[in-house]
Amino acid sequence: MTTLADAYTMRLLNLTMRSIYMDYYNNLHQVMDDARRYARAYQRFTQDRKFEPLVKNYFKEYLNLFPAQVFDKINENFIRCSFYELMSRYLSQCFTFALEMNLPSGRADFVMTGIPGLDFHNDCRVVEFKYYKAKDVGMVESLDAPQAEDVERVEAYARDINASFPNYRMRSHVVYLAAAKACKVWETTSNR
């Protein structure tokens, strides 16, 4: 199946062989391409605008691909950045995104704003991510509501944005993740 590319490396003979090999590997290890894993969730979001299924899809289809050892090494920055990458890949035609947006009350983890001229215009979401190691799974699973300080923080960010852009329909969310074992999402939007 392989041939020498040069004195140091091997390669597959042609694109057909590569395709056969990759399909076999992907089926063997149950690796799906991105579109099949993510597209339906993002398509649904453009219709119903429910944020929680996007996070659940990210948790199930993205984070669960990593081996358990990885979760002691990653942090909230990894969570923010990888979530941003998926969101921008699938929703950039509808929204703009900001990571660690500086605001008067602090730095918002993740902000997404609808693009003017589209149905999503004036739809603005502010998200606070909280990441915990595997040892804290029980704590995350036991939560019945987001912690008050996290709600206060994300609500303050939303108020800051709304003060500058009063026409925005602000929605705020708190997301708790514990390794690849627990995921909780709350919309914390209050009357502003």
C-alpha atoms as a PDB file:
ATOM      1  CA  MET A   1       0.000   0.000   0.000  1.00  0.00           C
ATOM      2  CA  THR A   2       2.879   2.425   0.568  1.00  0.00           C
ATOM      3  CA  THR A   3       5.914   3.430  -1.408  1.00  0.00           C
ATOM      4  CA  LEU A   4       9.018   5.477  -0.692  1.00  0.00           C
ATOM      5  CA  ALA A   5       8.482   9.212  -1.075  1.00  0.00           C
ATOM      6  CA  ASP A   6      12.184   9.863  -0.492  1.00  0.00           C
ATOM      7  CA  ALA A   7      14.990   8.350   1.529  1.00  0.00           C
ATOM      8  CA  TYR A   8      13.236   9.218   4.798  1.00  0.00           C
ATOM      9  CA  THR A   9       9.482   8.905   4.364  1.00  0.00           C
ATOM     10  CA  MET A  10       6.831   6.564   3.055  1.00  0.00           C
ATOM     11  CA  ARG A  11       3.636   7.660   1.351  1.00  0.00           C
ATOM     12  CA  LEU A  12       0.483   6.158  -0.051  1.00  0.00           C
ATOM     13  CA  LEU A  13       0.635   5.435  -3.765  1.00  0.00           C
ATOM     14  CA  ASN A  14      -2.151   7.775  -4.847  1.00  0.00           C
ATOM     15  CA  LEU A  15      -5.239   9.618  -3.682  1.00  0.00           C
ATOM     16  CA  THR A  16      -7.461   6.586  -4.183  1.00  0.00           C
ATOM     17  CA  MET A  17      -5.309   4.528  -1.841  1.00  0.00           C
ATOM     18  CA  ARG A  18      -5.266   7.375   0.659  1.00  0.00           C
ATOM     19  CA  SER A  19      -9.044   7.653   0.534  1.00  0.00           C
ATOM     20  CA  ILE A  20      -9.479   3.903   1.072  1.00  0.00           C
ATOM     21  CA  TYR A  21      -6.987   3.911   3.938  1.00  0.00           C
ATOM     22  CA  MET A  22      -8.560   6.964   5.632  1.00  0.00           C
ATOM     23  CA  ASP A  23     -12.101   5.587   5.285  1.00  0.00           C
ATOM     24  CA  TYR A  24     -10.969   2.291   6.785  1.00  0.00           C
ATOM     25  CA  TYR A  25      -9.187   4.043   9.678  1.00  0.00           C
ATOM     26  CA  ASN A  26     -12.132   6.371  10.346  1.00  0.00           C
ATOM     27  CA  ASN A  27     -14.620   3.502  10.367  1.00  0.00           C
ATOM     28  CA  LEU A  28     -12.357   1.346  12.518  1.00  0.00           C
ATOM     29  CA  HIS A  29     -11.969   4.086  15.128  1.00  0.00           C
ATOM     30  CA  GLN A  30     -15.440   5.588  14.630  1.00  0.00           C
ATOM     31  CA  VAL A  31     -14.029   8.959  13.645  1.00  0.00           C
ATOM     32  CA  MET A  32     -16.577  11.050  11.761  1.00  0.00           C
ATOM     33  CA  ASP A  33     -15.887  14.114   9.732  1.00  0.00           C
ATOM     34  CA  ASP A  34     -16.728  17.451  11.308  1.00  0.00           C
ATOM     35  CA  ALA A  35     -19.850  18.099   9.289  1.00  0.00           C
ATOM     36  CA  ARG A  36     -21.623  14.973  10.496  1.00  0.00           C
ATOM     37  CA  ARG A  37     -20.701  15.658  14.121  1.00  0.00           C
ATOM     38  CA  TYR A  38     -21.526  19.336  14.319  1.00  0.00           C
ATOM     39  CA  ALA A  39     -23.591  20.675  11.415  1.00  0.00           C
ATOM     40  CA  ARG A  40     -27.025  19.552  12.626  1.00  0.00           C
ATOM     41  CA  ALA A  41     -26.624  21.266  15.998  1.00  0.00           C
ATOM     42  CA  TYR A  42     -25.584  24.542  14.393  1.00  0.00           C
ATOM     43  CA  GLN A  43     -28.318  24.318  11.787  1.00  0.00           C
ATOM     44  CA  ARG A  44     -30.866  23.780  14.568  1.00  0.00           C
ATOM     45  CA  PHE A  45     -29.490  26.799  16.436  1.00  0.00           C
ATOM     46  CA  THR A  46     -30.114  29.067  13.445  1.00  0.00           C
ATOM     47  CA  GLN A  47     -33.759  27.991  13.594  1.00  0.00           C
ATOM     48  CA  ASP A  48     -34.545  27.868  17.334  1.00  0.00           C
ATOM     49  CA  ARG A  49     -31.677  29.962  18.817  1.00  0.00           C
ATOM     50  CA  LYS A  50     -31.268  27.615  21.774  1.00  0.00           C
ATOM     51  CA  PHE A  51     -27.706  27.901  23.074  1.00  0.00           C
ATOM     52  CA  GLU A  52     -27.581  24.882  25.383  1.00  0.00           C
ATOM     53  CA  PRO A  53     -27.627  22.284  22.551  1.00  0.00           C
ATOM     54  CA  LEU A  54     -24.546  23.958  21.016  1.00  0.00           C
ATOM     55  CA  VAL A  55     -22.608  23.523  24.247  1.00  0.00           C
ATOM     56  CA  LYS A  56     -23.865  19.957  24.693  1.00  0.00           C
ATOM     57  CA  ASN A  57     -22.798  19.159  21.111  1.00  0.00           C
ATOM     58  CA  TYR A  58     -19.343  20.646  21.773  1.00  0.00           C
ATOM     59  CA  PHE A  59     -19.080  18.611  24.979  1.00  0.00           C
ATOM     60  CA  LYS A  60     -20.222  15.330  23.424  1.00  0.00           C
ATOM     61  CA  GLU A  61     -18.711  15.516  19.950  1.00  0.00           C
ATOM     62  CA  TYR A  62     -15.529  17.498  20.560  1.00  0.00           C
ATOM     63  CA  LEU A  63     -14.329  17.149  24.146  1.00  0.00           C
ATOM     64  CA  ASN A  64     -15.187  13.459  24.358  1.00  0.00           C
ATOM     65  CA  LEU A  65     -12.738  12.706  21.533  1.00  0.00           C
ATOM     66  CA  PHE A  66      -9.788  13.434  23.812  1.00  0.00           C
ATOM     67  CA  PRO A  67      -8.204  10.764  26.021  1.00  0.00           C
ATOM     68  CA  ALA A  68      -8.805  11.128  29.773  1.00  0.00           C
ATOM     69  CA  GLN A  69      -5.186  12.143  30.468  1.00  0.00           C
ATOM     70  CA  VAL A  70      -5.659  15.381  28.530  1.00  0.00           C
ATOM     71  CA  PHE A  71      -8.224  16.793  30.931  1.00  0.00           C
ATOM     72  CA  ASP A  72      -5.724  17.354  33.731  1.00  0.00           C
ATOM     73  CA  LYS A  73      -3.674  19.526  31.374  1.00  0.00           C
ATOM     74  CA  ILE A  74      -6.339  21.720  29.761  1.00  0.00           C
ATOM     75  CA  ASN A  75      -7.872  24.845  31.283  1.00  0.00           C
ATOM     76  CA  GLU A  76     -10.623  27.388  30.668  1.00  0.00           C
ATOM     77  CA  ASN A  77      -8.551  29.052  27.963  1.00  0.00           C
ATOM     78  CA  PHE A  78      -8.526  25.817  25.955  1.00  0.00           C
ATOM     79  CA  ILE A  79     -12.293  25.490  26.448  1.00  0.00           C
ATOM     80  CA  ARG A  80     -12.933  29.076  25.295  1.00  0.00           C
ATOM     81  CA  CYS A  81     -10.637  28.798  22.287  1.00  0.00           C
ATOM     82  CA  SER A  82     -11.852  25.411  21.075  1.00  0.00           C
ATOM     83  CA  PHE A  83     -15.507  26.436  21.520  1.00  0.00           C
ATOM     84  CA  TYR A  84     -14.758  29.649  19.606  1.00  0.00           C
ATOM     85  CA  GLU A  85     -13.148  27.658  16.797  1.00  0.00           C
ATOM     86  CA  LEU A  86     -16.264  25.524  16.312  1.00  0.00           C
ATOM     87  CA  MET A  87     -18.650  28.451  16.623  1.00  0.00           C
ATOM     88  CA  SER A  88     -16.728  30.570  14.139  1.00  0.00           C
ATOM     89  CA  ARG A  89     -16.462  27.663  11.720  1.00  0.00           C
ATOM     90  CA  TYR A  90     -20.194  26.997  11.638  1.00  0.00           C
ATOM     91  CA  LEU A  91     -21.862  30.301  12.546  1.00  0.00           C
ATOM     92  CA  SER A  92     -19.580  33.012  11.124  1.00  0.00           C
ATOM     93  CA  GLN A  93     -22.150  33.762   8.411  1.00  0.00           C
ATOM     94  CA  CYS A  94     -24.594  34.811  11.190  1.00  0.00           C
ATOM     95  CA  PHE A  95     -22.494  36.053  14.115  1.00  0.00           C
ATOM     96  CA  THR A  96     -19.252  37.754  15.060  1.00  0.00           C
ATOM     97  CA  PHE A  97     -17.332  36.405  18.049  1.00  0.00           C
ATOM     98  CA  ALA A  98     -15.064  37.824  20.720  1.00  0.00           C
ATOM     99  CA  LEU A  99     -12.919  36.013  23.269  1.00  0.00           C
ATOM    100  CA  GLU A 100     -11.958  37.653  26.550  1.00  0.00           C
ATOM    101  CA  MET A 101     -13.714  40.891  25.656  1.00  0.00           C
ATOM    102  CA  ASN A 102     -12.607  43.771  27.894  1.00  0.00           C
ATOM    103  CA  LEU A 103     -15.559  45.506  29.537  1.00  0.00           C
ATOM    104  CA  PRO A 104     -15.841  48.004  32.426  1.00  0.00           C
ATOM    105  CA  SER A 105     -16.844  45.226  34.854  1.00  0.00           C
ATOM    106  CA  GLY A 106     -14.194  42.733  33.728  1.00  0.00           C
ATOM    107  CA  ARG A 107     -13.300  40.415  30.886  1.00  0.00           C
ATOM    108  CA  ALA A 108     -16.101  38.381  29.288  1.00  0.00           C
ATOM    109  CA  ASP A 109     -15.035  34.847  28.319  1.00  0.00           C
ATOM    110  CA  PHE A 110     -17.054  34.633  25.107  1.00  0.00           C
ATOM    111  CA  VAL A 111     -19.367  37.042  23.287  1.00  0.00           C
ATOM    112  CA  MET A 112     -21.304  36.389  20.102  1.00  0.00           C
ATOM    113  CA  THR A 113     -23.213  39.127  18.292  1.00  0.00           C
ATOM    114  CA  GLY A 114     -25.567  38.830  15.325  1.00  0.00           C
ATOM    115  CA  ILE A 115     -24.394  40.376  12.070  1.00  0.00           C
ATOM    116  CA  PRO A 116     -26.324  43.514  11.004  1.00  0.00           C
ATOM    117  CA  GLY A 117     -28.730  43.024   8.129  1.00  0.00           C
ATOM    118  CA  LEU A 118     -29.507  39.415   9.047  1.00  0.00           C
ATOM    119  CA  ASP A 119     -32.244  37.852  11.171  1.00  0.00           C
ATOM    120  CA  PHE A 120     -29.641  37.505  13.927  1.00  0.00           C
ATOM    121  CA  HIS A 121     -28.969  41.247  14.169  1.00  0.00           C
ATOM    122  CA  ASN A 122     -29.283  42.491  17.764  1.00  0.00           C
ATOM    123  CA  ASP A 123     -28.972  38.928  19.155  1.00  0.00           C
ATOM    124  CA  CYS A 124     -26.055  39.071  21.598  1.00  0.00           C
ATOM    125  CA  ARG A 125     -24.893  36.248  23.889  1.00  0.00           C
ATOM    126  CA  VAL A 126     -22.379  36.523  26.720  1.00  0.00           C
ATOM    127  CA  VAL A 127     -20.950  33.276  28.097  1.00  0.00           C
ATOM    128  CA  GLU A 128     -18.985  32.574  31.269  1.00  0.00           C
ATOM    129  CA  PHE A 129     -17.101  29.253  31.158  1.00  0.00           C
ATOM    130  CA  LYS A 130     -16.043  27.403  34.298  1.00  0.00           C
ATOM    131  CA  TYR A 131     -13.789  24.378  33.821  1.00  0.00           C
ATOM    132  CA  TYR A 132     -13.085  21.843  36.558  1.00  0.00           C
ATOM    133  CA  LYS A 133     -10.772  18.833  36.685  1.00  0.00           C
ATOM    134  CA  ALA A 134     -12.142  15.270  36.748  1.00  0.00           C
ATOM    135  CA  LYS A 135     -11.922  15.137  40.561  1.00  0.00           C
ATOM    136  CA  ASP A 136     -14.648  17.837  40.724  1.00  0.00           C
ATOM    137  CA  VAL A 137     -17.224  15.986  38.613  1.00  0.00           C
ATOM    138  CA  GLY A 138     -19.458  15.376  41.629  1.00  0.00           C
ATOM    139  CA  MET A 139     -19.549  19.066  42.468  1.00  0.00           C
ATOM    140  CA  VAL A 140     -20.572  20.016  38.920  1.00  0.00           C
ATOM    141  CA  GLU A 141     -23.161  17.246  38.687  1.00  0.00           C
ATOM    142  CA  SER A 142     -24.702  18.309  42.006  1.00  0.00           C
ATOM    143  CA  LEU A 143     -25.338  21.886  40.873  1.00  0.00           C
ATOM    144  CA  ASP A 144     -29.030  22.730  40.525  1.00  0.00           C
ATOM    145  CA  ALA A 145     -28.321  26.326  39.536  1.00  0.00           C
ATOM    146  CA  PRO A 146     -25.279  28.373  38.587  1.00  0.00           C
ATOM    147  CA  GLN A 147     -23.258  29.855  41.421  1.00  0.00           C
ATOM    148  CA  ALA A 148     -24.345  33.374  42.377  1.00  0.00           C
ATOM    149  CA  GLU A 149     -20.946  34.992  41.738  1.00  0.00           C
ATOM    150  CA  ASP A 150     -20.839  33.554  38.202  1.00  0.00           C
ATOM    151  CA  VAL A 151     -24.342  34.837  37.479  1.00  0.00           C
ATOM    152  CA  GLU A 152     -23.448  38.283  38.836  1.00  0.00           C
ATOM    153  CA  ARG A 153     -20.296  38.367  36.716  1.00  0.00           C
ATOM    154  CA  VAL A 154     -21.927  37.374  33.416  1.00  0.00           C
ATOM    155  CA  GLU A 155     -24.910  39.648  34.073  1.00  0.00           C
ATOM    156  CA  ALA A 156     -22.530  42.588  34.679  1.00  0.00           C
ATOM    157  CA  TYR A 157     -20.839  41.866  31.346  1.00  0.00           C
ATOM    158  CA  ALA A 158     -24.224  41.787  29.620  1.00  0.00           C
ATOM    159  CA  ARG A 159     -25.213  45.115  31.221  1.00  0.00           C
ATOM    160  CA  ASP A 160     -21.930  46.682  30.053  1.00  0.00           C
ATOM    161  CA  ILE A 161     -22.545  45.602  26.462  1.00  0.00           C
ATOM    162  CA  ASN A 162     -26.207  46.625  26.612  1.00  0.00           C
ATOM    163  CA  ALA A 163     -25.232  50.095  27.881  1.00  0.00           C
ATOM    164  CA  SER A 164     -23.201  50.627  24.701  1.00  0.00           C
ATOM    165  CA  PHE A 165     -25.686  48.875  22.420  1.00  0.00           C
ATOM    166  CA  PRO A 166     -29.174  49.353  23.891  1.00  0.00           C
ATOM    167  CA  ASN A 167     -30.920  47.674  20.943  1.00  0.00           C
ATOM    168  CA  TYR A 168     -29.156  44.366  21.572  1.00  0.00           C
ATOM    169  CA  ARG A 169     -31.333  41.555  22.882  1.00  0.00           C
ATOM    170  CA  MET A 170     -28.905  40.352  25.532  1.00  0.00           C
ATOM    171  CA  ARG A 171     -28.785  36.763  26.721  1.00  0.00           C
ATOM    172  CA  SER A 172     -26.248  35.503  29.217  1.00  0.00           C
ATOM    173  CA  HIS A 173     -25.149  31.953  29.937  1.00  0.00           C
ATOM    174  CA  VAL A 174     -22.978  30.149  32.472  1.00  0.00           C
ATOM    175  CA  VAL A 175     -21.336  26.873  31.400  1.00  0.00           C
ATOM    176  CA  TYR A 176     -19.754  24.403  33.837  1.00  0.00           C
ATOM    177  CA  LEU A 177     -17.589  21.595  32.469  1.00  0.00           C
ATOM    178  CA  ALA A 178     -15.770  18.929  34.470  1.00  0.00           C
ATOM    179  CA  ALA A 179     -13.277  17.084  32.256  1.00  0.00           C
ATOM    180  CA  ALA A 180     -15.317  15.105  29.715  1.00  0.00           C
ATOM    181  CA  LYS A 181     -17.649  13.826  32.408  1.00  0.00           C
ATOM    182  CA  ALA A 182     -20.079  16.611  33.305  1.00  0.00           C
ATOM    183  CA  CYS A 183     -21.610  19.554  31.478  1.00  0.00           C
ATOM    184  CA  LYS A 184     -24.179  22.003  32.835  1.00  0.00           C
ATOM    185  CA  VAL A 185     -25.498  25.056  30.978  1.00  0.00           C
ATOM    186  CA  TRP A 186     -27.779  27.779  32.304  1.00  0.00           C
ATOM    187  CA  GLU A 187     -29.249  30.829  30.688  1.00  0.00           C
ATOM    188  CA  THR A 188     -29.060  33.525  33.348  1.00  0.00           C
ATOM    189  CA  THR A 189     -30.685  36.370  31.473  1.00  0.00           C
ATOM    190  CA  SER A 190     -32.522  38.736  33.790  1.00  0.00           C
ATOM    191  CA  ASN A 191     -34.505  41.878  33.067  1.00  0.00           C
ATOM    192  CA  ARG A 192     -32.066  44.689  32.367  1.00  0.00           C
END
